[in-house]
Amino acid sequence: MVGSADFDFLSRGAVEAAPRLLGCLLVHDTADGTVALRITEVEAYAGTDDPASHSFRGPRPSNLVMFGPPGHLYVYRSHGIHWCGNVVADLDGVASGLLLRAGEIVEGRDIAQRRRGERVTERDLARGPGRLGQALGITGADGGTPLTTGGPLRLELGTPVRPTRVRRGPRVGVSRAADVPWRFWIDAEPSVSAYRRSPRAE
C-alpha cells in the first residue's frame, strides 16, 4: 500500500502516475539541513514489459525495490558516479518506476548549491537525474525508503499542474524502446533537461 491516500495514484502504473507526480515536492531532511524541490520532469519505466527498464529481465538483488510496494525509492548509480532516484509506481510485486529527471529547488538552495558547486546556475542545480540526486543528498543508503509516510526523505503534494502544461515525448539516452513517449515534463520550465537520443538507439 501507498502510505498516504494523496499518493494512491502511485499504485496505477508508471505511465498513468507520471503526469500526476509532476509538481509534487521531494523533500530531504539531513544533517546539513532541508532541501526541497518541485518535480518538473520524470520518465516512466514499465518493468518486465519495458526493455529499457532495469527490471526488464526480472528481479535481482540490485532491483528488488522496483518489485516492492509503490511509493518507495529505487536508487541506482549512473556511470559509477551519480546516484539517481526512481519512485516505484505499481502494485506490490509488479515492477514499475518513475525516474526523477529534473526539478526546481524551492527550499535549501544554499545547501544544494554547496553540494553541486558554487558556479552551477540555479537552473542546473537539479537539471538531470544525477544532478537531482546530488542536490538532494541522495545516496545508495536511501534505497528502499518509503516516500509517502512523512519521513526525512518524503514526497509532498505541491500545486497541481494543469494538464495543458504537461508534455510528453521519448525518453533520454535509452538504447532500447527509444521512441516510446514515456518522458513527461512541465512545459516552459527552465529546470527541464535537454532531450538527447542515444547514438545506440534501436
N, C-alpha and C. Protein backbone atom coordinates (compact mmCIF):
# COMPACT_ATOMS: atom_id res chain seq x y z
N MET A 1 0.83 -1.20 0.00
CA MET A 1 0.00 0.00 0.00
C MET A 1 0.86 1.25 0.00
N VAL A 2 0.35 2.29 -0.60
CA VAL A 2 0.99 3.59 -0.52
C VAL A 2 0.64 4.20 0.82
N GLY A 3 1.60 4.89 1.45
CA GLY A 3 1.41 5.36 2.82
C GLY A 3 0.41 6.47 2.98
N SER A 4 0.11 7.24 1.95
CA SER A 4 -0.83 8.35 2.05
C SER A 4 -1.83 8.26 0.93
N ALA A 5 -3.12 8.51 1.26
CA ALA A 5 -4.16 8.46 0.23
C ALA A 5 -3.90 9.48 -0.87
N ASP A 6 -3.16 10.56 -0.56
CA ASP A 6 -2.84 11.56 -1.56
C ASP A 6 -2.01 10.99 -2.70
N PHE A 7 -1.32 9.89 -2.43
CA PHE A 7 -0.42 9.31 -3.43
C PHE A 7 -0.90 7.93 -3.90
N ASP A 8 -2.20 7.67 -3.79
CA ASP A 8 -2.74 6.40 -4.27
C ASP A 8 -2.49 6.20 -5.76
N PHE A 9 -2.30 7.31 -6.50
CA PHE A 9 -2.06 7.19 -7.95
C PHE A 9 -0.77 6.42 -8.24
N LEU A 10 0.13 6.31 -7.27
CA LEU A 10 1.37 5.57 -7.50
C LEU A 10 1.14 4.07 -7.61
N SER A 11 -0.07 3.61 -7.34
CA SER A 11 -0.40 2.19 -7.49
C SER A 11 -0.91 1.86 -8.88
N ARG A 12 -1.01 2.84 -9.75
CA ARG A 12 -1.71 2.66 -11.02
C ARG A 12 -0.78 2.40 -12.21
N GLY A 13 0.50 2.24 -11.96
CA GLY A 13 1.45 2.03 -13.05
C GLY A 13 2.16 3.31 -13.42
N ALA A 14 3.39 3.17 -13.90
CA ALA A 14 4.25 4.34 -14.09
C ALA A 14 3.71 5.32 -15.13
N VAL A 15 3.17 4.82 -16.23
CA VAL A 15 2.73 5.72 -17.30
C VAL A 15 1.55 6.57 -16.83
N GLU A 16 0.62 5.99 -16.11
CA GLU A 16 -0.51 6.76 -15.60
C GLU A 16 -0.08 7.69 -14.47
N ALA A 17 0.85 7.24 -13.64
CA ALA A 17 1.26 8.03 -12.48
C ALA A 17 2.17 9.19 -12.85
N ALA A 18 2.92 9.06 -13.93
CA ALA A 18 3.96 10.04 -14.26
C ALA A 18 3.46 11.48 -14.29
N PRO A 19 2.41 11.81 -15.04
CA PRO A 19 2.00 13.23 -15.06
C PRO A 19 1.47 13.71 -13.72
N ARG A 20 0.98 12.79 -12.88
CA ARG A 20 0.48 13.17 -11.56
C ARG A 20 1.62 13.53 -10.61
N LEU A 21 2.80 12.98 -10.86
CA LEU A 21 3.94 13.26 -9.99
C LEU A 21 4.53 14.64 -10.27
N LEU A 22 4.32 15.16 -11.47
CA LEU A 22 4.81 16.49 -11.80
C LEU A 22 4.17 17.53 -10.89
N GLY A 23 4.98 18.43 -10.37
CA GLY A 23 4.50 19.45 -9.45
C GLY A 23 4.54 19.05 -7.99
N CYS A 24 4.70 17.76 -7.71
CA CYS A 24 4.85 17.32 -6.32
C CYS A 24 6.23 17.73 -5.81
N LEU A 25 6.38 17.75 -4.50
CA LEU A 25 7.64 18.12 -3.88
C LEU A 25 8.36 16.88 -3.38
N LEU A 26 9.66 16.83 -3.56
CA LEU A 26 10.52 15.82 -2.95
C LEU A 26 11.41 16.54 -1.95
N VAL A 27 11.31 16.14 -0.70
CA VAL A 27 11.95 16.84 0.41
C VAL A 27 12.92 15.89 1.11
N HIS A 28 14.11 16.42 1.48
CA HIS A 28 15.09 15.60 2.19
C HIS A 28 15.66 16.40 3.36
N ASP A 29 15.37 15.93 4.57
CA ASP A 29 15.95 16.49 5.79
C ASP A 29 17.23 15.74 6.10
N THR A 30 18.36 16.44 6.18
CA THR A 30 19.63 15.82 6.51
C THR A 30 20.32 16.64 7.58
N ALA A 31 21.48 16.18 7.99
CA ALA A 31 22.26 16.92 8.99
C ALA A 31 22.66 18.29 8.46
N ASP A 32 22.76 18.44 7.14
CA ASP A 32 23.10 19.73 6.54
C ASP A 32 21.94 20.71 6.55
N GLY A 33 20.73 20.18 6.68
CA GLY A 33 19.52 21.00 6.58
C GLY A 33 18.55 20.37 5.61
N THR A 34 17.52 21.10 5.24
CA THR A 34 16.46 20.59 4.37
C THR A 34 16.59 21.17 2.97
N VAL A 35 16.50 20.28 2.00
CA VAL A 35 16.39 20.69 0.60
C VAL A 35 15.09 20.13 0.05
N ALA A 36 14.33 20.96 -0.64
CA ALA A 36 13.09 20.53 -1.27
C ALA A 36 13.10 20.97 -2.73
N LEU A 37 12.58 20.12 -3.59
CA LEU A 37 12.44 20.50 -4.98
C LEU A 37 11.06 20.16 -5.50
N ARG A 38 10.66 20.92 -6.48
CA ARG A 38 9.40 20.69 -7.21
C ARG A 38 9.74 19.87 -8.43
N ILE A 39 9.11 18.72 -8.58
CA ILE A 39 9.42 17.80 -9.67
C ILE A 39 8.87 18.36 -10.97
N THR A 40 9.76 18.52 -11.95
CA THR A 40 9.37 19.11 -13.24
C THR A 40 9.50 18.15 -14.41
N GLU A 41 10.14 17.00 -14.20
CA GLU A 41 10.36 16.06 -15.31
C GLU A 41 10.56 14.66 -14.76
N VAL A 42 9.87 13.68 -15.34
CA VAL A 42 10.02 12.29 -14.95
C VAL A 42 9.99 11.42 -16.21
N GLU A 43 10.48 10.20 -16.07
CA GLU A 43 10.37 9.19 -17.12
C GLU A 43 9.75 7.94 -16.55
N ALA A 44 8.83 7.34 -17.29
CA ALA A 44 8.16 6.11 -16.85
C ALA A 44 8.89 4.89 -17.41
N TYR A 45 9.02 3.87 -16.56
CA TYR A 45 9.62 2.59 -16.95
C TYR A 45 8.70 1.48 -16.47
N ALA A 46 8.28 0.62 -17.42
CA ALA A 46 7.23 -0.34 -17.15
C ALA A 46 7.74 -1.75 -16.89
N GLY A 47 8.81 -1.86 -16.14
CA GLY A 47 9.27 -3.14 -15.61
C GLY A 47 9.55 -4.19 -16.65
N THR A 48 9.02 -5.39 -16.42
CA THR A 48 9.32 -6.54 -17.27
C THR A 48 8.70 -6.43 -18.66
N ASP A 49 7.86 -5.43 -18.88
CA ASP A 49 7.30 -5.19 -20.22
C ASP A 49 8.07 -4.13 -20.99
N ASP A 50 9.15 -3.64 -20.41
CA ASP A 50 9.85 -2.49 -20.97
C ASP A 50 11.35 -2.80 -21.09
N PRO A 51 11.86 -3.01 -22.31
CA PRO A 51 13.28 -3.38 -22.46
C PRO A 51 14.25 -2.30 -22.00
N ALA A 52 13.79 -1.07 -21.76
CA ALA A 52 14.67 -0.01 -21.25
C ALA A 52 14.73 0.01 -19.73
N SER A 53 13.91 -0.81 -19.08
CA SER A 53 13.84 -0.79 -17.62
C SER A 53 14.92 -1.67 -16.98
N HIS A 54 15.39 -1.26 -15.81
CA HIS A 54 16.35 -2.07 -15.06
C HIS A 54 15.75 -3.38 -14.60
N SER A 55 14.44 -3.50 -14.59
CA SER A 55 13.79 -4.72 -14.12
C SER A 55 13.26 -5.59 -15.26
N PHE A 56 13.65 -5.28 -16.49
CA PHE A 56 13.13 -5.99 -17.65
C PHE A 56 13.40 -7.50 -17.58
N ARG A 57 14.56 -7.88 -17.08
CA ARG A 57 14.94 -9.30 -17.05
C ARG A 57 14.56 -9.98 -15.74
N GLY A 58 13.72 -9.31 -14.97
CA GLY A 58 13.24 -9.93 -13.74
C GLY A 58 13.98 -9.46 -12.50
N PRO A 59 13.55 -9.96 -11.34
CA PRO A 59 14.14 -9.48 -10.08
C PRO A 59 15.57 -9.96 -9.88
N ARG A 60 16.39 -9.05 -9.36
CA ARG A 60 17.76 -9.33 -8.94
C ARG A 60 17.99 -8.58 -7.64
N PRO A 61 19.03 -8.89 -6.91
CA PRO A 61 19.28 -8.17 -5.65
C PRO A 61 19.33 -6.66 -5.83
N SER A 62 19.84 -6.21 -6.95
CA SER A 62 20.01 -4.77 -7.16
C SER A 62 18.70 -4.04 -7.47
N ASN A 63 17.68 -4.76 -7.95
CA ASN A 63 16.46 -4.06 -8.37
C ASN A 63 15.20 -4.52 -7.63
N LEU A 64 15.37 -5.23 -6.54
CA LEU A 64 14.20 -5.78 -5.83
C LEU A 64 13.23 -4.71 -5.38
N VAL A 65 13.74 -3.52 -5.07
CA VAL A 65 12.85 -2.44 -4.62
C VAL A 65 11.79 -2.16 -5.68
N MET A 66 12.14 -2.27 -6.96
CA MET A 66 11.19 -1.99 -8.02
C MET A 66 10.02 -2.97 -8.04
N PHE A 67 10.21 -4.14 -7.46
CA PHE A 67 9.16 -5.15 -7.40
C PHE A 67 8.36 -5.07 -6.10
N GLY A 68 8.67 -4.10 -5.27
CA GLY A 68 8.04 -3.97 -3.98
C GLY A 68 6.87 -3.00 -3.99
N PRO A 69 6.50 -2.52 -2.81
CA PRO A 69 5.33 -1.64 -2.71
C PRO A 69 5.54 -0.32 -3.42
N PRO A 70 4.46 0.27 -3.93
CA PRO A 70 4.57 1.58 -4.56
C PRO A 70 4.93 2.65 -3.55
N GLY A 71 5.51 3.74 -4.07
CA GLY A 71 5.87 4.85 -3.21
C GLY A 71 7.23 4.74 -2.56
N HIS A 72 7.96 3.66 -2.82
CA HIS A 72 9.30 3.50 -2.29
C HIS A 72 10.32 4.03 -3.30
N LEU A 73 11.53 4.30 -2.82
CA LEU A 73 12.58 4.86 -3.66
C LEU A 73 13.54 3.77 -4.12
N TYR A 74 13.69 3.64 -5.43
CA TYR A 74 14.70 2.77 -6.02
C TYR A 74 15.87 3.66 -6.44
N VAL A 75 17.06 3.35 -5.95
CA VAL A 75 18.25 4.15 -6.22
C VAL A 75 19.26 3.30 -6.99
N TYR A 76 19.86 3.89 -8.01
CA TYR A 76 20.94 3.21 -8.72
C TYR A 76 22.03 4.22 -9.03
N ARG A 77 23.21 3.70 -9.32
CA ARG A 77 24.35 4.56 -9.63
C ARG A 77 24.55 4.61 -11.13
N SER A 78 24.63 5.81 -11.68
CA SER A 78 24.81 6.01 -13.11
C SER A 78 26.28 6.27 -13.43
N HIS A 79 26.82 5.49 -14.35
CA HIS A 79 28.22 5.64 -14.79
C HIS A 79 29.19 5.54 -13.62
N GLY A 80 28.78 4.88 -12.55
CA GLY A 80 29.64 4.72 -11.39
C GLY A 80 29.88 5.99 -10.61
N ILE A 81 29.11 7.04 -10.90
CA ILE A 81 29.36 8.35 -10.28
C ILE A 81 28.13 8.90 -9.57
N HIS A 82 27.01 8.99 -10.29
CA HIS A 82 25.85 9.73 -9.81
C HIS A 82 24.78 8.78 -9.24
N TRP A 83 24.19 9.16 -8.13
CA TRP A 83 23.04 8.44 -7.58
C TRP A 83 21.77 9.01 -8.19
N CYS A 84 20.94 8.13 -8.74
CA CYS A 84 19.69 8.53 -9.37
C CYS A 84 18.53 7.86 -8.66
N GLY A 85 17.41 8.57 -8.54
CA GLY A 85 16.27 8.06 -7.80
C GLY A 85 15.05 7.81 -8.68
N ASN A 86 14.33 6.75 -8.35
CA ASN A 86 13.09 6.38 -9.03
C ASN A 86 12.02 6.10 -8.00
N VAL A 87 10.81 6.55 -8.27
CA VAL A 87 9.68 6.26 -7.40
C VAL A 87 8.96 5.03 -7.94
N VAL A 88 8.83 3.99 -7.12
CA VAL A 88 8.13 2.77 -7.53
C VAL A 88 6.65 3.11 -7.72
N ALA A 89 6.09 2.65 -8.83
CA ALA A 89 4.75 3.12 -9.21
C ALA A 89 3.90 2.01 -9.81
N ASP A 90 3.65 0.98 -9.02
CA ASP A 90 2.69 -0.05 -9.44
C ASP A 90 2.37 -0.89 -8.21
N LEU A 91 1.50 -1.87 -8.38
CA LEU A 91 1.12 -2.73 -7.27
C LEU A 91 2.31 -3.53 -6.77
N ASP A 92 2.30 -3.89 -5.50
CA ASP A 92 3.36 -4.70 -4.91
C ASP A 92 3.54 -5.98 -5.72
N GLY A 93 4.77 -6.23 -6.15
CA GLY A 93 5.06 -7.40 -6.95
C GLY A 93 5.16 -7.13 -8.44
N VAL A 94 4.71 -5.95 -8.87
CA VAL A 94 4.77 -5.56 -10.28
C VAL A 94 5.82 -4.46 -10.42
N ALA A 95 6.89 -4.74 -11.14
CA ALA A 95 7.98 -3.76 -11.26
C ALA A 95 7.58 -2.61 -12.17
N SER A 96 7.79 -1.40 -11.68
CA SER A 96 7.49 -0.20 -12.44
C SER A 96 8.11 0.97 -11.71
N GLY A 97 8.60 1.96 -12.43
CA GLY A 97 9.24 3.07 -11.74
C GLY A 97 9.19 4.37 -12.52
N LEU A 98 9.35 5.47 -11.79
CA LEU A 98 9.40 6.80 -12.36
C LEU A 98 10.76 7.41 -12.05
N LEU A 99 11.58 7.55 -13.08
CA LEU A 99 12.89 8.19 -12.91
C LEU A 99 12.68 9.68 -12.67
N LEU A 100 13.26 10.19 -11.60
CA LEU A 100 13.19 11.61 -11.29
C LEU A 100 14.25 12.32 -12.11
N ARG A 101 13.84 12.94 -13.21
CA ARG A 101 14.80 13.51 -14.17
C ARG A 101 15.21 14.92 -13.82
N ALA A 102 14.30 15.73 -13.28
CA ALA A 102 14.65 17.13 -13.03
C ALA A 102 13.68 17.77 -12.06
N GLY A 103 14.15 18.83 -11.43
CA GLY A 103 13.29 19.57 -10.50
C GLY A 103 13.81 20.97 -10.26
N GLU A 104 12.96 21.79 -9.69
CA GLU A 104 13.29 23.16 -9.32
C GLU A 104 13.47 23.23 -7.80
N ILE A 105 14.62 23.68 -7.34
CA ILE A 105 14.86 23.81 -5.91
C ILE A 105 13.97 24.92 -5.35
N VAL A 106 13.16 24.57 -4.35
CA VAL A 106 12.26 25.56 -3.75
C VAL A 106 12.59 25.82 -2.28
N GLU A 107 13.47 25.04 -1.70
CA GLU A 107 13.93 25.27 -0.32
C GLU A 107 15.34 24.70 -0.19
N GLY A 108 16.18 25.39 0.57
CA GLY A 108 17.54 24.92 0.80
C GLY A 108 18.46 25.11 -0.39
N ARG A 109 18.23 26.20 -1.13
CA ARG A 109 19.06 26.43 -2.32
C ARG A 109 20.54 26.55 -1.96
N ASP A 110 20.87 27.15 -0.82
CA ASP A 110 22.27 27.29 -0.45
C ASP A 110 22.92 25.94 -0.20
N ILE A 111 22.16 25.02 0.38
CA ILE A 111 22.69 23.67 0.63
C ILE A 111 22.91 22.94 -0.69
N ALA A 112 21.89 23.00 -1.57
CA ALA A 112 22.02 22.37 -2.89
C ALA A 112 23.18 22.97 -3.66
N GLN A 113 23.38 24.26 -3.53
CA GLN A 113 24.48 24.94 -4.24
C GLN A 113 25.82 24.42 -3.76
N ARG A 114 25.98 24.24 -2.45
CA ARG A 114 27.25 23.71 -1.93
C ARG A 114 27.49 22.29 -2.44
N ARG A 115 26.44 21.50 -2.50
CA ARG A 115 26.60 20.12 -2.98
C ARG A 115 26.95 20.06 -4.46
N ARG A 116 26.40 20.99 -5.22
CA ARG A 116 26.59 20.95 -6.66
C ARG A 116 27.77 21.79 -7.14
N GLY A 117 28.17 22.77 -6.34
CA GLY A 117 29.28 23.64 -6.75
C GLY A 117 28.82 25.07 -6.90
N GLU A 118 29.66 25.99 -6.47
CA GLU A 118 29.26 27.40 -6.42
C GLU A 118 29.04 28.00 -7.81
N ARG A 119 29.62 27.44 -8.85
CA ARG A 119 29.48 28.02 -10.18
C ARG A 119 28.27 27.48 -10.94
N VAL A 120 27.58 26.51 -10.37
CA VAL A 120 26.42 25.92 -11.03
C VAL A 120 25.26 26.91 -10.98
N THR A 121 24.59 27.11 -12.11
CA THR A 121 23.48 28.04 -12.17
C THR A 121 22.26 27.46 -11.45
N GLU A 122 21.34 28.35 -11.07
CA GLU A 122 20.12 27.90 -10.40
C GLU A 122 19.34 26.91 -11.27
N ARG A 123 19.28 27.17 -12.56
CA ARG A 123 18.58 26.27 -13.48
C ARG A 123 19.15 24.86 -13.45
N ASP A 124 20.47 24.75 -13.29
CA ASP A 124 21.14 23.46 -13.41
C ASP A 124 21.32 22.72 -12.09
N LEU A 125 20.83 23.26 -10.99
CA LEU A 125 21.05 22.61 -9.70
C LEU A 125 20.49 21.19 -9.67
N ALA A 126 19.32 20.97 -10.27
CA ALA A 126 18.71 19.63 -10.27
C ALA A 126 18.18 19.31 -11.66
N ARG A 127 18.93 19.70 -12.67
CA ARG A 127 18.53 19.51 -14.08
C ARG A 127 19.25 18.28 -14.62
N GLY A 128 18.58 17.15 -14.53
CA GLY A 128 19.17 15.86 -14.86
C GLY A 128 19.14 14.96 -13.64
N PRO A 129 18.97 13.65 -13.82
CA PRO A 129 18.77 12.75 -12.67
C PRO A 129 19.94 12.67 -11.70
N GLY A 130 21.17 12.70 -12.21
CA GLY A 130 22.33 12.66 -11.32
C GLY A 130 22.48 13.95 -10.53
N ARG A 131 22.24 15.07 -11.17
CA ARG A 131 22.31 16.36 -10.50
C ARG A 131 21.22 16.47 -9.44
N LEU A 132 20.03 15.97 -9.78
CA LEU A 132 18.92 15.98 -8.82
C LEU A 132 19.29 15.19 -7.57
N GLY A 133 19.85 14.00 -7.76
CA GLY A 133 20.25 13.19 -6.61
C GLY A 133 21.30 13.88 -5.76
N GLN A 134 22.27 14.51 -6.42
CA GLN A 134 23.33 15.21 -5.69
C GLN A 134 22.78 16.41 -4.92
N ALA A 135 21.91 17.19 -5.55
CA ALA A 135 21.34 18.36 -4.90
C ALA A 135 20.55 17.99 -3.65
N LEU A 136 19.85 16.85 -3.72
CA LEU A 136 19.04 16.40 -2.58
C LEU A 136 19.84 15.61 -1.55
N GLY A 137 21.08 15.25 -1.89
CA GLY A 137 21.88 14.44 -0.96
C GLY A 137 21.46 13.00 -0.91
N ILE A 138 20.93 12.47 -2.02
CA ILE A 138 20.51 11.07 -2.09
C ILE A 138 21.73 10.18 -2.32
N THR A 139 21.78 9.06 -1.62
CA THR A 139 22.85 8.08 -1.80
C THR A 139 22.23 6.68 -1.86
N GLY A 140 23.09 5.69 -2.07
CA GLY A 140 22.61 4.31 -2.11
C GLY A 140 21.93 3.89 -0.83
N ALA A 141 22.31 4.51 0.29
CA ALA A 141 21.70 4.16 1.57
C ALA A 141 20.22 4.52 1.63
N ASP A 142 19.76 5.39 0.72
CA ASP A 142 18.36 5.80 0.70
C ASP A 142 17.48 4.84 -0.09
N GLY A 143 18.08 3.86 -0.74
CA GLY A 143 17.29 2.89 -1.50
C GLY A 143 16.30 2.16 -0.61
N GLY A 144 15.07 2.04 -1.08
CA GLY A 144 14.02 1.37 -0.33
C GLY A 144 13.23 2.28 0.59
N THR A 145 13.60 3.54 0.69
CA THR A 145 12.90 4.47 1.58
C THR A 145 11.44 4.62 1.17
N PRO A 146 10.49 4.50 2.10
CA PRO A 146 9.10 4.82 1.78
C PRO A 146 8.92 6.33 1.75
N LEU A 147 8.47 6.85 0.63
CA LEU A 147 8.43 8.30 0.42
C LEU A 147 7.11 8.93 0.84
N THR A 148 6.10 8.14 1.18
CA THR A 148 4.77 8.70 1.41
C THR A 148 4.31 8.56 2.86
N THR A 149 5.28 8.34 3.76
CA THR A 149 4.93 8.15 5.17
C THR A 149 5.44 9.28 6.05
N GLY A 150 5.91 10.36 5.45
CA GLY A 150 6.29 11.54 6.21
C GLY A 150 7.65 11.47 6.86
N GLY A 151 8.56 10.63 6.36
CA GLY A 151 9.89 10.52 6.93
C GLY A 151 10.81 11.64 6.48
N PRO A 152 12.09 11.55 6.81
CA PRO A 152 13.04 12.60 6.44
C PRO A 152 13.20 12.78 4.94
N LEU A 153 13.01 11.71 4.18
CA LEU A 153 13.02 11.78 2.72
C LEU A 153 11.61 11.44 2.27
N ARG A 154 10.92 12.42 1.69
CA ARG A 154 9.47 12.23 1.50
C ARG A 154 8.94 13.00 0.30
N LEU A 155 7.81 12.54 -0.18
CA LEU A 155 7.02 13.25 -1.17
C LEU A 155 5.94 14.07 -0.47
N GLU A 156 5.70 15.26 -0.99
CA GLU A 156 4.61 16.08 -0.51
C GLU A 156 3.85 16.62 -1.72
N LEU A 157 2.56 16.86 -1.54
CA LEU A 157 1.78 17.43 -2.62
C LEU A 157 2.20 18.88 -2.86
N GLY A 158 2.30 19.25 -4.09
CA GLY A 158 2.55 20.64 -4.44
C GLY A 158 1.33 21.21 -5.14
N THR A 159 1.52 22.28 -5.87
CA THR A 159 0.43 22.85 -6.65
C THR A 159 0.20 22.00 -7.89
N PRO A 160 -1.02 21.51 -8.09
CA PRO A 160 -1.27 20.66 -9.27
C PRO A 160 -0.91 21.37 -10.57
N VAL A 161 -0.38 20.59 -11.50
CA VAL A 161 -0.01 21.12 -12.81
C VAL A 161 -1.20 20.97 -13.76
N ARG A 162 -1.55 22.03 -14.45
CA ARG A 162 -2.65 21.96 -15.41
C ARG A 162 -2.29 20.97 -16.52
N PRO A 163 -3.24 20.11 -16.91
CA PRO A 163 -2.95 19.13 -17.98
C PRO A 163 -2.43 19.78 -19.26
N THR A 164 -2.84 21.00 -19.53
CA THR A 164 -2.39 21.66 -20.76
C THR A 164 -0.91 22.02 -20.71
N ARG A 165 -0.30 21.97 -19.53
CA ARG A 165 1.13 22.28 -19.41
C ARG A 165 2.01 21.03 -19.43
N VAL A 166 1.39 19.86 -19.44
CA VAL A 166 2.16 18.61 -19.43
C VAL A 166 2.51 18.21 -20.86
N ARG A 167 3.78 17.96 -21.08
CA ARG A 167 4.26 17.50 -22.38
C ARG A 167 4.82 16.09 -22.22
N ARG A 168 4.87 15.36 -23.34
CA ARG A 168 5.46 14.01 -23.30
C ARG A 168 6.21 13.76 -24.60
N GLY A 169 7.20 12.88 -24.49
CA GLY A 169 8.00 12.54 -25.66
C GLY A 169 8.92 11.37 -25.33
N PRO A 170 9.85 11.03 -26.21
CA PRO A 170 10.75 9.90 -25.99
C PRO A 170 11.66 10.12 -24.78
N ARG A 171 12.08 9.03 -24.18
CA ARG A 171 12.98 9.09 -23.03
C ARG A 171 14.40 9.42 -23.48
N VAL A 172 15.17 9.97 -22.56
CA VAL A 172 16.51 10.47 -22.87
C VAL A 172 17.54 9.34 -22.78
N GLY A 173 18.33 9.18 -23.82
CA GLY A 173 19.53 8.36 -23.75
C GLY A 173 19.34 6.86 -23.68
N VAL A 174 18.11 6.35 -23.84
CA VAL A 174 17.92 4.90 -23.78
C VAL A 174 18.20 4.30 -25.15
N SER A 175 18.78 3.11 -25.16
CA SER A 175 19.12 2.48 -26.43
C SER A 175 18.04 1.53 -26.91
N ARG A 176 17.16 1.07 -26.01
CA ARG A 176 16.05 0.19 -26.38
C ARG A 176 14.74 0.88 -26.09
N ALA A 177 13.73 0.63 -26.91
CA ALA A 177 12.44 1.31 -26.80
C ALA A 177 12.64 2.83 -26.78
N ALA A 178 13.54 3.29 -27.64
CA ALA A 178 13.97 4.69 -27.61
C ALA A 178 12.90 5.66 -28.07
N ASP A 179 11.92 5.19 -28.82
CA ASP A 179 10.90 6.09 -29.34
C ASP A 179 9.61 6.06 -28.53
N VAL A 180 9.57 5.28 -27.48
CA VAL A 180 8.37 5.22 -26.64
C VAL A 180 8.21 6.56 -25.91
N PRO A 181 7.07 7.22 -26.01
CA PRO A 181 6.91 8.57 -25.46
C PRO A 181 6.54 8.58 -23.98
N TRP A 182 7.46 8.11 -23.15
CA TRP A 182 7.18 7.99 -21.72
C TRP A 182 8.02 8.94 -20.88
N ARG A 183 8.48 10.01 -21.47
CA ARG A 183 9.09 11.12 -20.73
C ARG A 183 8.03 12.21 -20.60
N PHE A 184 7.82 12.70 -19.38
CA PHE A 184 6.79 13.69 -19.11
C PHE A 184 7.44 14.90 -18.43
N TRP A 185 7.05 16.11 -18.84
CA TRP A 185 7.65 17.29 -18.24
C TRP A 185 6.65 18.45 -18.26
N ILE A 186 6.96 19.45 -17.45
CA ILE A 186 6.14 20.66 -17.40
C ILE A 186 6.66 21.64 -18.46
N ASP A 187 5.79 22.06 -19.32
CA ASP A 187 6.18 22.94 -20.41
C ASP A 187 6.75 24.26 -19.89
N ALA A 188 7.79 24.72 -20.56
CA ALA A 188 8.40 26.04 -20.30
C ALA A 188 9.06 26.14 -18.93
N GLU A 189 9.43 25.01 -18.33
CA GLU A 189 10.16 25.03 -17.06
C GLU A 189 11.66 25.03 -17.35
N PRO A 190 12.41 26.02 -16.88
CA PRO A 190 13.85 26.07 -17.17
C PRO A 190 14.63 24.87 -16.65
N SER A 191 14.15 24.22 -15.59
CA SER A 191 14.90 23.12 -14.99
C SER A 191 14.81 21.82 -15.77
N VAL A 192 13.90 21.74 -16.74
CA VAL A 192 13.73 20.50 -17.51
C VAL A 192 14.99 20.24 -18.34
N SER A 193 15.43 18.99 -18.35
CA SER A 193 16.68 18.65 -19.04
C SER A 193 16.49 18.60 -20.55
N ALA A 194 17.58 18.67 -21.26
CA ALA A 194 17.54 18.64 -22.73
C ALA A 194 17.37 17.21 -23.22
N TYR A 195 16.64 17.04 -24.31
CA TYR A 195 16.47 15.70 -24.89
C TYR A 195 17.69 15.33 -25.71
N ARG A 196 18.21 14.13 -25.43
CA ARG A 196 19.31 13.60 -26.23
C ARG A 196 18.99 12.14 -26.56
N ARG A 197 18.95 11.84 -27.81
CA ARG A 197 18.71 10.47 -28.25
C ARG A 197 20.02 9.70 -28.20
N SER A 198 19.97 8.48 -27.72
CA SER A 198 21.18 7.65 -27.64
C SER A 198 21.68 7.32 -29.05
N PRO A 199 22.99 7.41 -29.29
CA PRO A 199 23.52 7.01 -30.60
C PRO A 199 23.39 5.52 -30.85
N ARG A 200 23.10 4.76 -29.78
CA ARG A 200 22.91 3.31 -29.90
C ARG A 200 21.45 2.92 -29.97
N ALA A 201 20.56 3.91 -30.11
CA ALA A 201 19.12 3.64 -30.09
C ALA A 201 18.71 2.71 -31.22
N GLU A 202 17.86 1.76 -30.87
CA GLU A 202 17.36 0.79 -31.86
C GLU A 202 16.10 1.33 -32.52
